[in-house]
Amino acid sequence: MPASENAGGIPAYPGAKVHTSREQTAEMRSFEAFTPDSWSQVVGWFDDQLGPPAWSRRVAEDMVIYEKGDDEAAITVSPWDAEHVRAGAPGFMEDARTAIGAAWRPSAARP
């Protein structure tokens, strides 16, 4: 994962492997990362790293969403099922148990 200072303040989860399939723009950057660690372990780690007042946290079914500022950055943590892996995808996606989605606005793109 990219360093926090290069990713809108989003901390890099240790050992996560990044897979970027979205087009990056001047207004928004994003990536999806995968780890073989359990969902609860990843959520616990982010809970320890992020907190008020900079970050808020909410739960939507089996996904935890962390949000920073007014549309400045967001992280989602959700369980990953390797059954959804497409042919030709990186091997680490087959071993993953948790997906981490991240998106942020570069400082130049913020209102």
PDB file of N, CA and C in Angstrom:
ATOM      1  N   MET A   1       0.848  -1.183   0.000  1.00  0.00           N
ATOM      2  CA  MET A   1       0.000   0.000   0.000  1.00  0.00           C
ATOM      3  C   MET A   1       0.890   1.241   0.000  1.00  0.00           C
ATOM      4  N   PRO A   2       0.404   2.338  -0.587  1.00  0.00           N
ATOM      5  CA  PRO A   2       1.216   3.547  -0.597  1.00  0.00           C
ATOM      6  C   PRO A   2       1.357   4.130   0.803  1.00  0.00           C
ATOM      7  N   ALA A   3       2.418   4.893   0.994  1.00  0.00           N
ATOM      8  CA  ALA A   3       2.638   5.553   2.282  1.00  0.00           C
ATOM      9  C   ALA A   3       1.499   6.527   2.562  1.00  0.00           C
ATOM     10  N   SER A   4       1.184   6.702   3.838  1.00  0.00           N
ATOM     11  CA  SER A   4       0.076   7.551   4.267  1.00  0.00           C
ATOM     12  C   SER A   4       0.144   8.950   3.666  1.00  0.00           C
ATOM     13  N   GLU A   5       1.349   9.537   3.640  1.00  0.00           N
ATOM     14  CA  GLU A   5       1.470  10.904   3.125  1.00  0.00           C
ATOM     15  C   GLU A   5       1.201  10.984   1.624  1.00  0.00           C
ATOM     16  N   ASN A   6       1.234   9.854   0.937  1.00  0.00           N
ATOM     17  CA  ASN A   6       0.940   9.827  -0.498  1.00  0.00           C
ATOM     18  C   ASN A   6      -0.468   9.326  -0.789  1.00  0.00           C
ATOM     19  N   ALA A   7      -1.251   9.082   0.250  1.00  0.00           N
ATOM     20  CA  ALA A   7      -2.585   8.494   0.059  1.00  0.00           C
ATOM     21  C   ALA A   7      -3.639   9.189   0.918  1.00  0.00           C
ATOM     22  N   GLY A   8      -3.588  10.493   0.974  1.00  0.00           N
ATOM     23  CA  GLY A   8      -4.631  11.239   1.687  1.00  0.00           C
ATOM     24  C   GLY A   8      -4.703  10.952   3.165  1.00  0.00           C
ATOM     25  N   GLY A   9      -3.597  10.508   3.768  1.00  0.00           N
ATOM     26  CA  GLY A   9      -3.592  10.193   5.193  1.00  0.00           C
ATOM     27  C   GLY A   9      -4.079   8.796   5.523  1.00  0.00           C
ATOM     28  N   ILE A  10      -4.347   7.982   4.518  1.00  0.00           N
ATOM     29  CA  ILE A  10      -4.803   6.606   4.739  1.00  0.00           C
ATOM     30  C   ILE A  10      -3.594   5.763   5.129  1.00  0.00           C
ATOM     31  N   PRO A  11      -3.613   5.161   6.323  1.00  0.00           N
ATOM     32  CA  PRO A  11      -2.458   4.354   6.730  1.00  0.00           C
ATOM     33  C   PRO A  11      -2.373   3.047   5.944  1.00  0.00           C
ATOM     34  N   ALA A  12      -1.151   2.610   5.710  1.00  0.00           N
ATOM     35  CA  ALA A  12      -0.907   1.372   4.956  1.00  0.00           C
ATOM     36  C   ALA A  12      -1.066   0.170   5.878  1.00  0.00           C
ATOM     37  N   TYR A  13      -2.002  -0.717   5.543  1.00  0.00           N
ATOM     38  CA  TYR A  13      -2.175  -1.933   6.345  1.00  0.00           C
ATOM     39  C   TYR A  13      -0.982  -2.850   6.087  1.00  0.00           C
ATOM     40  N   PRO A  14      -0.315  -3.318   7.144  1.00  0.00           N
ATOM     41  CA  PRO A  14       0.900  -4.135   6.981  1.00  0.00           C
ATOM     42  C   PRO A  14       0.660  -5.403   6.149  1.00  0.00           C
ATOM     43  N   GLY A  15       1.471  -5.566   5.118  1.00  0.00           N
ATOM     44  CA  GLY A  15       1.434  -6.781   4.304  1.00  0.00           C
ATOM     45  C   GLY A  15       0.352  -6.838   3.249  1.00  0.00           C
ATOM     46  N   ALA A  16      -0.531  -5.842   3.182  1.00  0.00           N
ATOM     47  CA  ALA A  16      -1.590  -5.860   2.170  1.00  0.00           C
ATOM     48  C   ALA A  16      -0.984  -5.655   0.787  1.00  0.00           C
ATOM     49  N   LYS A  17      -1.545  -6.334  -0.184  1.00  0.00           N
ATOM     50  CA  LYS A  17      -1.106  -6.233  -1.578  1.00  0.00           C
ATOM     51  C   LYS A  17      -2.124  -5.414  -2.360  1.00  0.00           C
ATOM     52  N   VAL A  18      -1.639  -4.441  -3.119  1.00  0.00           N
ATOM     53  CA  VAL A  18      -2.509  -3.526  -3.853  1.00  0.00           C
ATOM     54  C   VAL A  18      -2.807  -4.054  -5.252  1.00  0.00           C
ATOM     55  N   HIS A  19      -4.061  -3.920  -5.622  1.00  0.00           N
ATOM     56  CA  HIS A  19      -4.507  -4.211  -6.986  1.00  0.00           C
ATOM     57  C   HIS A  19      -5.333  -3.008  -7.420  1.00  0.00           C
ATOM     58  N   THR A  20      -4.867  -2.283  -8.411  1.00  0.00           N
ATOM     59  CA  THR A  20      -5.576  -1.101  -8.892  1.00  0.00           C
ATOM     60  C   THR A  20      -6.173  -1.401 -10.252  1.00  0.00           C
ATOM     61  N   SER A  21      -7.475  -1.296 -10.333  1.00  0.00           N
ATOM     62  CA  SER A  21      -8.139  -1.553 -11.605  1.00  0.00           C
ATOM     63  C   SER A  21      -8.914  -0.338 -12.086  1.00  0.00           C
ATOM     64  N   ARG A  22      -8.913   0.713 -11.293  1.00  0.00           N
ATOM     65  CA  ARG A  22      -9.658   1.914 -11.664  1.00  0.00           C
ATOM     66  C   ARG A  22      -8.723   2.962 -12.254  1.00  0.00           C
ATOM     67  N   GLU A  23      -9.261   3.749 -13.158  1.00  0.00           N
ATOM     68  CA  GLU A  23      -8.491   4.848 -13.732  1.00  0.00           C
ATOM     69  C   GLU A  23      -8.297   5.923 -12.667  1.00  0.00           C
ATOM     70  N   GLN A  24      -7.077   6.427 -12.539  1.00  0.00           N
ATOM     71  CA  GLN A  24      -6.765   7.484 -11.590  1.00  0.00           C
ATOM     72  C   GLN A  24      -6.954   8.831 -12.281  1.00  0.00           C
ATOM     73  N   THR A  25      -7.516   9.800 -11.585  1.00  0.00           N
ATOM     74  CA  THR A  25      -7.740  11.124 -12.155  1.00  0.00           C
ATOM     75  C   THR A  25      -7.083  12.178 -11.282  1.00  0.00           C
ATOM     76  N   ALA A  26      -7.044  13.398 -11.772  1.00  0.00           N
ATOM     77  CA  ALA A  26      -6.493  14.507 -10.986  1.00  0.00           C
ATOM     78  C   ALA A  26      -7.377  14.809  -9.777  1.00  0.00           C
ATOM     79  N   GLU A  27      -8.671  14.462  -9.870  1.00  0.00           N
ATOM     80  CA  GLU A  27      -9.615  14.753  -8.786  1.00  0.00           C
ATOM     81  C   GLU A  27      -9.720  13.640  -7.750  1.00  0.00           C
ATOM     82  N   MET A  28      -9.421  12.404  -8.141  1.00  0.00           N
ATOM     83  CA  MET A  28      -9.616  11.282  -7.222  1.00  0.00           C
ATOM     84  C   MET A  28      -8.590  10.194  -7.481  1.00  0.00           C
ATOM     85  N   ARG A  29      -8.052   9.656  -6.403  1.00  0.00           N
ATOM     86  CA  ARG A  29      -7.128   8.524  -6.458  1.00  0.00           C
ATOM     87  C   ARG A  29      -7.784   7.379  -5.677  1.00  0.00           C
ATOM     88  N   SER A  30      -7.520   6.150  -6.081  1.00  0.00           N
ATOM     89  CA  SER A  30      -8.103   5.016  -5.361  1.00  0.00           C
ATOM     90  C   SER A  30      -7.294   3.760  -5.627  1.00  0.00           C
ATOM     91  N   PHE A  31      -7.497   2.773  -4.764  1.00  0.00           N
ATOM     92  CA  PHE A  31      -6.931   1.449  -4.960  1.00  0.00           C
ATOM     93  C   PHE A  31      -7.726   0.460  -4.125  1.00  0.00           C
ATOM     94  N   GLU A  32      -7.531  -0.797  -4.418  1.00  0.00           N
ATOM     95  CA  GLU A  32      -8.088  -1.862  -3.597  1.00  0.00           C
ATOM     96  C   GLU A  32      -6.922  -2.751  -3.207  1.00  0.00           C
ATOM     97  N   ALA A  33      -6.860  -3.096  -1.939  1.00  0.00           N
ATOM     98  CA  ALA A  33      -5.785  -3.945  -1.427  1.00  0.00           C
ATOM     99  C   ALA A  33      -6.401  -5.191  -0.807  1.00  0.00           C
ATOM    100  N   PHE A  34      -5.588  -6.238  -0.723  1.00  0.00           N
ATOM    101  CA  PHE A  34      -6.076  -7.530  -0.218  1.00  0.00           C
ATOM    102  C   PHE A  34      -5.084  -8.098   0.783  1.00  0.00           C
ATOM    103  N   THR A  35      -5.617  -8.799   1.782  1.00  0.00           N
ATOM    104  CA  THR A  35      -4.775  -9.420   2.795  1.00  0.00           C
ATOM    105  C   THR A  35      -5.377 -10.765   3.208  1.00  0.00           C
ATOM    106  N   PRO A  36      -4.525 -11.728   3.560  1.00  0.00           N
ATOM    107  CA  PRO A  36      -5.042 -12.994   4.068  1.00  0.00           C
ATOM    108  C   PRO A  36      -5.511 -12.896   5.527  1.00  0.00           C
ATOM    109  N   ASP A  37      -5.302 -11.748   6.150  1.00  0.00           N
ATOM    110  CA  ASP A  37      -5.740 -11.560   7.542  1.00  0.00           C
ATOM    111  C   ASP A  37      -7.264 -11.537   7.614  1.00  0.00           C
ATOM    112  N   SER A  38      -7.794 -11.895   8.775  1.00  0.00           N
ATOM    113  CA  SER A  38      -9.246 -11.920   8.953  1.00  0.00           C
ATOM    114  C   SER A  38      -9.818 -10.509   8.946  1.00  0.00           C
ATOM    115  N   TRP A  39     -11.093 -10.420   8.601  1.00  0.00           N
ATOM    116  CA  TRP A  39     -11.804  -9.143   8.586  1.00  0.00           C
ATOM    117  C   TRP A  39     -11.718  -8.480   9.950  1.00  0.00           C
ATOM    118  N   SER A  40     -11.965  -9.217  11.015  1.00  0.00           N
ATOM    119  CA  SER A  40     -11.959  -8.615  12.355  1.00  0.00           C
ATOM    120  C   SER A  40     -10.571  -8.099  12.734  1.00  0.00           C
ATOM    121  N   GLN A  41      -9.516  -8.782  12.305  1.00  0.00           N
ATOM    122  CA  GLN A  41      -8.157  -8.326  12.579  1.00  0.00           C
ATOM    123  C   GLN A  41      -7.880  -7.003  11.848  1.00  0.00           C
ATOM    124  N   VAL A  42      -8.298  -6.910  10.596  1.00  0.00           N
ATOM    125  CA  VAL A  42      -8.064  -5.695   9.809  1.00  0.00           C
ATOM    126  C   VAL A  42      -8.874  -4.526  10.379  1.00  0.00           C
ATOM    127  N   VAL A  43     -10.139  -4.766  10.714  1.00  0.00           N
ATOM    128  CA  VAL A  43     -10.975  -3.722  11.310  1.00  0.00           C
ATOM    129  C   VAL A  43     -10.361  -3.254  12.629  1.00  0.00           C
ATOM    130  N   GLY A  44      -9.893  -4.185  13.456  1.00  0.00           N
ATOM    131  CA  GLY A  44      -9.264  -3.820  14.722  1.00  0.00           C
ATOM    132  C   GLY A  44      -8.043  -2.943  14.518  1.00  0.00           C
ATOM    133  N   TRP A  45      -7.245  -3.273  13.510  1.00  0.00           N
ATOM    134  CA  TRP A  45      -6.042  -2.485  13.229  1.00  0.00           C
ATOM    135  C   TRP A  45      -6.427  -1.056  12.815  1.00  0.00           C
ATOM    136  N   PHE A  46      -7.405  -0.937  11.882  1.00  0.00           N
ATOM    137  CA  PHE A  46      -7.825   0.400  11.466  1.00  0.00           C
ATOM    138  C   PHE A  46      -8.484   1.157  12.618  1.00  0.00           C
ATOM    139  N   ASP A  47      -9.251   0.483  13.473  1.00  0.00           N
ATOM    140  CA  ASP A  47      -9.837   1.138  14.643  1.00  0.00           C
ATOM    141  C   ASP A  47      -8.746   1.750  15.520  1.00  0.00           C
ATOM    142  N   ASP A  48      -7.618   1.046  15.666  1.00  0.00           N
ATOM    143  CA  ASP A  48      -6.505   1.554  16.471  1.00  0.00           C
ATOM    144  C   ASP A  48      -5.795   2.729  15.793  1.00  0.00           C
ATOM    145  N   GLN A  49      -5.781   2.749  14.471  1.00  0.00           N
ATOM    146  CA  GLN A  49      -5.046   3.778  13.717  1.00  0.00           C
ATOM    147  C   GLN A  49      -5.854   5.055  13.483  1.00  0.00           C
ATOM    148  N   LEU A  50      -7.154   4.904  13.329  1.00  0.00           N
ATOM    149  CA  LEU A  50      -8.008   6.027  12.926  1.00  0.00           C
ATOM    150  C   LEU A  50      -9.015   6.348  14.017  1.00  0.00           C
ATOM    151  N   GLY A  51      -9.302   7.589  14.174  1.00  0.00           N
ATOM    152  CA  GLY A  51     -10.302   7.950  15.170  1.00  0.00           C
ATOM    153  C   GLY A  51     -10.673   9.409  15.076  1.00  0.00           C
ATOM    154  N   PRO A  52     -11.658   9.777  15.891  1.00  0.00           N
ATOM    155  CA  PRO A  52     -12.102  11.159  15.904  1.00  0.00           C
ATOM    156  C   PRO A  52     -10.967  12.063  16.407  1.00  0.00           C
ATOM    157  N   PRO A  53     -10.937  13.298  16.037  1.00  0.00           N
ATOM    158  CA  PRO A  53     -11.936  13.965  15.212  1.00  0.00           C
ATOM    159  C   PRO A  53     -11.672  13.834  13.713  1.00  0.00           C
ATOM    160  N   ALA A  54     -10.490  13.377  13.328  1.00  0.00           N
ATOM    161  CA  ALA A  54     -10.154  13.342  11.894  1.00  0.00           C
ATOM    162  C   ALA A  54     -10.981  12.319  11.122  1.00  0.00           C
ATOM    163  N   TRP A  55     -11.237  11.153  11.715  1.00  0.00           N
ATOM    164  CA  TRP A  55     -11.922  10.063  11.009  1.00  0.00           C
ATOM    165  C   TRP A  55     -13.214   9.688  11.715  1.00  0.00           C
ATOM    166  N   SER A  56     -14.240   9.379  10.941  1.00  0.00           N
ATOM    167  CA  SER A  56     -15.474   8.813  11.489  1.00  0.00           C
ATOM    168  C   SER A  56     -15.568   7.361  11.036  1.00  0.00           C
ATOM    169  N   ARG A  57     -16.405   6.581  11.722  1.00  0.00           N
ATOM    170  CA  ARG A  57     -16.549   5.150  11.421  1.00  0.00           C
ATOM    171  C   ARG A  57     -18.018   4.788  11.444  1.00  0.00           C
ATOM    172  N   ARG A  58     -18.433   3.999  10.449  1.00  0.00           N
ATOM    173  CA  ARG A  58     -19.796   3.455  10.455  1.00  0.00           C
ATOM    174  C   ARG A  58     -19.770   2.050   9.873  1.00  0.00           C
ATOM    175  N   VAL A  59     -20.817   1.298  10.182  1.00  0.00           N
ATOM    176  CA  VAL A  59     -20.918  -0.081   9.720  1.00  0.00           C
ATOM    177  C   VAL A  59     -22.124  -0.186   8.790  1.00  0.00           C
ATOM    178  N   ALA A  60     -21.906  -0.826   7.638  1.00  0.00           N
ATOM    179  CA  ALA A  60     -22.978  -1.069   6.673  1.00  0.00           C
ATOM    180  C   ALA A  60     -22.946  -2.558   6.355  1.00  0.00           C
ATOM    181  N   GLU A  61     -23.843  -3.315   6.982  1.00  0.00           N
ATOM    182  CA  GLU A  61     -23.879  -4.777   6.868  1.00  0.00           C
ATOM    183  C   GLU A  61     -22.527  -5.352   7.278  1.00  0.00           C
ATOM    184  N   ASP A  62     -21.804  -6.011   6.357  1.00  0.00           N
ATOM    185  CA  ASP A  62     -20.528  -6.617   6.737  1.00  0.00           C
ATOM    186  C   ASP A  62     -19.333  -5.767   6.293  1.00  0.00           C
ATOM    187  N   MET A  63     -19.550  -4.473   6.101  1.00  0.00           N
ATOM    188  CA  MET A  63     -18.487  -3.556   5.684  1.00  0.00           C
ATOM    189  C   MET A  63     -18.341  -2.446   6.723  1.00  0.00           C
ATOM    190  N   VAL A  64     -17.096  -2.120   7.058  1.00  0.00           N
ATOM    191  CA  VAL A  64     -16.832  -0.974   7.918  1.00  0.00           C
ATOM    192  C   VAL A  64     -16.289   0.133   7.023  1.00  0.00           C
ATOM    193  N   ILE A  65     -16.828   1.335   7.214  1.00  0.00           N
ATOM    194  CA  ILE A  65     -16.448   2.482   6.397  1.00  0.00           C
ATOM    195  C   ILE A  65     -15.860   3.553   7.307  1.00  0.00           C
ATOM    196  N   TYR A  66     -14.659   3.992   6.974  1.00  0.00           N
ATOM    197  CA  TYR A  66     -13.998   5.079   7.675  1.00  0.00           C
ATOM    198  C   TYR A  66     -13.980   6.273   6.722  1.00  0.00           C
ATOM    199  N   GLU A  67     -14.336   7.453   7.231  1.00  0.00           N
ATOM    200  CA  GLU A  67     -14.357   8.640   6.383  1.00  0.00           C
ATOM    201  C   GLU A  67     -13.596   9.772   7.060  1.00  0.00           C
ATOM    202  N   LYS A  68     -12.846  10.511   6.248  1.00  0.00           N
ATOM    203  CA  LYS A  68     -12.041  11.622   6.745  1.00  0.00           C
ATOM    204  C   LYS A  68     -12.538  12.911   6.116  1.00  0.00           C
ATOM    205  N   GLY A  69     -12.860  13.873   6.972  1.00  0.00           N
ATOM    206  CA  GLY A  69     -13.243  15.196   6.504  1.00  0.00           C
ATOM    207  C   GLY A  69     -14.462  15.193   5.610  1.00  0.00           C
ATOM    208  N   ASP A  70     -14.603  16.265   4.867  1.00  0.00           N
ATOM    209  CA  ASP A  70     -15.728  16.429   3.960  1.00  0.00           C
ATOM    210  C   ASP A  70     -15.345  15.885   2.592  1.00  0.00           C
ATOM    211  N   ASP A  71     -15.541  14.583   2.395  1.00  0.00           N
ATOM    212  CA  ASP A  71     -15.239  13.933   1.117  1.00  0.00           C
ATOM    213  C   ASP A  71     -13.749  13.997   0.776  1.00  0.00           C
ATOM    214  N   GLU A  72     -12.903  13.974   1.831  1.00  0.00           N
ATOM    215  CA  GLU A  72     -11.455  14.051   1.636  1.00  0.00           C
ATOM    216  C   GLU A  72     -10.839  12.677   1.390  1.00  0.00           C
ATOM    217  N   ALA A  73     -11.265  11.675   2.184  1.00  0.00           N
ATOM    218  CA  ALA A  73     -10.734  10.314   2.044  1.00  0.00           C
ATOM    219  C   ALA A  73     -11.721   9.325   2.649  1.00  0.00           C
ATOM    220  N   ALA A  74     -11.677   8.088   2.157  1.00  0.00           N
ATOM    221  CA  ALA A  74     -12.539   7.031   2.686  1.00  0.00           C
ATOM    222  C   ALA A  74     -11.838   5.683   2.551  1.00  0.00           C
ATOM    223  N   ILE A  75     -12.128   4.809   3.498  1.00  0.00           N
ATOM    224  CA  ILE A  75     -11.595   3.447   3.504  1.00  0.00           C
ATOM    225  C   ILE A  75     -12.771   2.514   3.753  1.00  0.00           C
ATOM    226  N   THR A  76     -12.825   1.410   3.022  1.00  0.00           N
ATOM    227  CA  THR A  76     -13.804   0.367   3.309  1.00  0.00           C
ATOM    228  C   THR A  76     -13.046  -0.921   3.615  1.00  0.00           C
ATOM    229  N   VAL A  77     -13.549  -1.679   4.580  1.00  0.00           N
ATOM    230  CA  VAL A  77     -12.971  -2.973   4.928  1.00  0.00           C
ATOM    231  C   VAL A  77     -14.100  -3.989   4.864  1.00  0.00           C
ATOM    232  N   SER A  78     -13.927  -4.999   4.021  1.00  0.00           N
ATOM    233  CA  SER A  78     -14.994  -5.992   3.851  1.00  0.00           C
ATOM    234  C   SER A  78     -14.393  -7.384   3.675  1.00  0.00           C
ATOM    235  N   PRO A  79     -15.173  -8.407   4.032  1.00  0.00           N
ATOM    236  CA  PRO A  79     -14.713  -9.775   3.804  1.00  0.00           C
ATOM    237  C   PRO A  79     -14.520 -10.010   2.306  1.00  0.00           C
ATOM    238  N   TRP A  80     -13.578 -10.877   1.955  1.00  0.00           N
ATOM    239  CA  TRP A  80     -13.297 -11.193   0.556  1.00  0.00           C
ATOM    240  C   TRP A  80     -13.461 -12.681   0.355  1.00  0.00           C
ATOM    241  N   ASP A  81     -14.162 -13.042  -0.691  1.00  0.00           N
ATOM    242  CA  ASP A  81     -14.376 -14.436  -1.034  1.00  0.00           C
ATOM    243  C   ASP A  81     -13.664 -14.711  -2.356  1.00  0.00           C
ATOM    244  N   ALA A  82     -12.679 -15.579  -2.340  1.00  0.00           N
ATOM    245  CA  ALA A  82     -11.874 -15.857  -3.536  1.00  0.00           C
ATOM    246  C   ALA A  82     -12.697 -16.433  -4.691  1.00  0.00           C
ATOM    247  N   GLU A  83     -13.923 -16.845  -4.437  1.00  0.00           N
ATOM    248  CA  GLU A  83     -14.770 -17.346  -5.524  1.00  0.00           C
ATOM    249  C   GLU A  83     -14.998 -16.279  -6.591  1.00  0.00           C
ATOM    250  N   HIS A  84     -14.833 -15.007  -6.201  1.00  0.00           N
ATOM    251  CA  HIS A  84     -15.081 -13.900  -7.122  1.00  0.00           C
ATOM    252  C   HIS A  84     -13.856 -13.530  -7.955  1.00  0.00           C
ATOM    253  N   VAL A  85     -12.760 -14.224  -7.765  1.00  0.00           N
ATOM    254  CA  VAL A  85     -11.532 -13.899  -8.482  1.00  0.00           C
ATOM    255  C   VAL A  85     -11.654 -14.328  -9.941  1.00  0.00           C
ATOM    256  N   ARG A  86     -11.355 -13.390 -10.823  1.00  0.00           N
ATOM    257  CA  ARG A  86     -11.412 -13.679 -12.256  1.00  0.00           C
ATOM    258  C   ARG A  86     -10.122 -14.340 -12.724  1.00  0.00           C
ATOM    259  N   ALA A  87     -10.211 -15.097 -13.782  1.00  0.00           N
ATOM    260  CA  ALA A  87      -9.025 -15.726 -14.363  1.00  0.00           C
ATOM    261  C   ALA A  87      -8.010 -14.648 -14.712  1.00  0.00           C
ATOM    262  N   GLY A  88      -6.757 -14.904 -14.407  1.00  0.00           N
ATOM    263  CA  GLY A  88      -5.690 -13.962 -14.702  1.00  0.00           C
ATOM    264  C   GLY A  88      -5.430 -12.941 -13.614  1.00  0.00           C
ATOM    265  N   ALA A  89      -6.221 -12.959 -12.552  1.00  0.00           N
ATOM    266  CA  ALA A  89      -6.008 -12.024 -11.440  1.00  0.00           C
ATOM    267  C   ALA A  89      -4.756 -12.432 -10.672  1.00  0.00           C
ATOM    268  N   PRO A  90      -4.130 -11.479  -9.976  1.00  0.00           N
ATOM    269  CA  PRO A  90      -2.938 -11.813  -9.187  1.00  0.00           C
ATOM    270  C   PRO A  90      -3.233 -12.908  -8.167  1.00  0.00           C
ATOM    271  N   GLY A  91      -2.254 -13.785  -7.941  1.00  0.00           N
ATOM    272  CA  GLY A  91      -2.424 -14.918  -7.024  1.00  0.00           C
ATOM    273  C   GLY A  91      -2.776 -14.519  -5.606  1.00  0.00           C
ATOM    274  N   PHE A  92      -2.281 -13.364  -5.124  1.00  0.00           N
ATOM    275  CA  PHE A  92      -2.570 -12.968  -3.743  1.00  0.00           C
ATOM    276  C   PHE A  92      -4.059 -12.750  -3.515  1.00  0.00           C
ATOM    277  N   MET A  93      -4.820 -12.500  -4.594  1.00  0.00           N
ATOM    278  CA  MET A  93      -6.262 -12.324  -4.442  1.00  0.00           C
ATOM    279  C   MET A  93      -6.941 -13.644  -4.108  1.00  0.00           C
ATOM    280  N   GLU A  94      -6.362 -14.745  -4.518  1.00  0.00           N
ATOM    281  CA  GLU A  94      -6.936 -16.058  -4.204  1.00  0.00           C
ATOM    282  C   GLU A  94      -6.751 -16.420  -2.735  1.00  0.00           C
ATOM    283  N   ASP A  95      -5.677 -15.919  -2.122  1.00  0.00           N
ATOM    284  CA  ASP A  95      -5.391 -16.211  -0.714  1.00  0.00           C
ATOM    285  C   ASP A  95      -6.029 -15.209   0.231  1.00  0.00           C
ATOM    286  N   ALA A  96      -6.559 -14.121  -0.290  1.00  0.00           N
ATOM    287  CA  ALA A  96      -7.088 -13.039   0.544  1.00  0.00           C
ATOM    288  C   ALA A  96      -8.375 -13.438   1.247  1.00  0.00           C
ATOM    289  N   ARG A  97      -8.549 -12.885   2.440  1.00  0.00           N
ATOM    290  CA  ARG A  97      -9.781 -13.048   3.207  1.00  0.00           C
ATOM    291  C   ARG A  97     -10.469 -11.708   3.440  1.00  0.00           C
ATOM    292  N   THR A  98      -9.706 -10.614   3.217  1.00  0.00           N
ATOM    293  CA  THR A  98     -10.242  -9.278   3.472  1.00  0.00           C
ATOM    294  C   THR A  98      -9.813  -8.326   2.365  1.00  0.00           C
ATOM    295  N   ALA A  99     -10.761  -7.475   1.927  1.00  0.00           N
ATOM    296  CA  ALA A  99     -10.483  -6.436   0.934  1.00  0.00           C
ATOM    297  C   ALA A  99     -10.514  -5.072   1.617  1.00  0.00           C
ATOM    298  N   ILE A 100      -9.590  -4.213   1.206  1.00  0.00           N
ATOM    299  CA  ILE A 100      -9.507  -2.850   1.727  1.00  0.00           C
ATOM    300  C   ILE A 100      -9.610  -1.906   0.532  1.00  0.00           C
ATOM    301  N   GLY A 101     -10.672  -1.142   0.486  1.00  0.00           N
ATOM    302  CA  GLY A 101     -10.831  -0.154  -0.570  1.00  0.00           C
ATOM    303  C   GLY A 101     -10.447   1.211  -0.031  1.00  0.00           C
ATOM    304  N   ALA A 102      -9.783   2.012  -0.837  1.00  0.00           N
ATOM    305  CA  ALA A 102      -9.377   3.342  -0.399  1.00  0.00           C
ATOM    306  C   ALA A 102      -9.545   4.333  -1.536  1.00  0.00           C
ATOM    307  N   ALA A 103     -10.003   5.524  -1.186  1.00  0.00           N
ATOM    308  CA  ALA A 103     -10.136   6.602  -2.164  1.00  0.00           C
ATOM    309  C   ALA A 103      -9.861   7.912  -1.449  1.00  0.00           C
ATOM    310  N   TRP A 104      -9.225   8.841  -2.163  1.00  0.00           N
ATOM    311  CA  TRP A 104      -8.929  10.137  -1.575  1.00  0.00           C
ATOM    312  C   TRP A 104      -8.798  11.187  -2.661  1.00  0.00           C
ATOM    313  N   ARG A 105      -9.006  12.419  -2.256  1.00  0.00           N
ATOM    314  CA  ARG A 105      -8.815  13.558  -3.146  1.00  0.00           C
ATOM    315  C   ARG A 105      -7.424  14.126  -2.887  1.00  0.00           C
ATOM    316  N   PRO A 106      -6.598  14.241  -3.922  1.00  0.00           N
ATOM    317  CA  PRO A 106      -5.310  14.913  -3.738  1.00  0.00           C
ATOM    318  C   PRO A 106      -5.555  16.336  -3.236  1.00  0.00           C
ATOM    319  N   SER A 107      -4.657  16.866  -2.443  1.00  0.00           N
ATOM    320  CA  SER A 107      -4.871  18.180  -1.832  1.00  0.00           C
ATOM    321  C   SER A 107      -5.187  19.253  -2.869  1.00  0.00           C
ATOM    322  N   ALA A 108      -4.623  19.186  -4.052  1.00  0.00           N
ATOM    323  CA  ALA A 108      -4.900  20.182  -5.090  1.00  0.00           C
ATOM    324  C   ALA A 108      -6.342  20.097  -5.600  1.00  0.00           C
ATOM    325  N   ALA A 109      -7.011  18.957  -5.426  1.00  0.00           N
ATOM    326  CA  ALA A 109      -8.378  18.779  -5.941  1.00  0.00           C
ATOM    327  C   ALA A 109      -9.446  19.087  -4.901  1.00  0.00           C
ATOM    328  N   ARG A 110      -9.048  19.363  -3.664  1.00  0.00           N
ATOM    329  CA  ARG A 110     -10.033  19.646  -2.614  1.00  0.00           C
ATOM    330  C   ARG A 110     -10.562  21.062  -2.735  1.00  0.00           C
ATOM    331  N   PRO A 111     -11.857  21.211  -2.464  1.00  0.00           N
ATOM    332  CA  PRO A 111     -12.455  22.562  -2.549  1.00  0.00           C
ATOM    333  C   PRO A 111     -11.906  23.494  -1.483  1.00  0.00           C
TER     334      PRO A 111
END
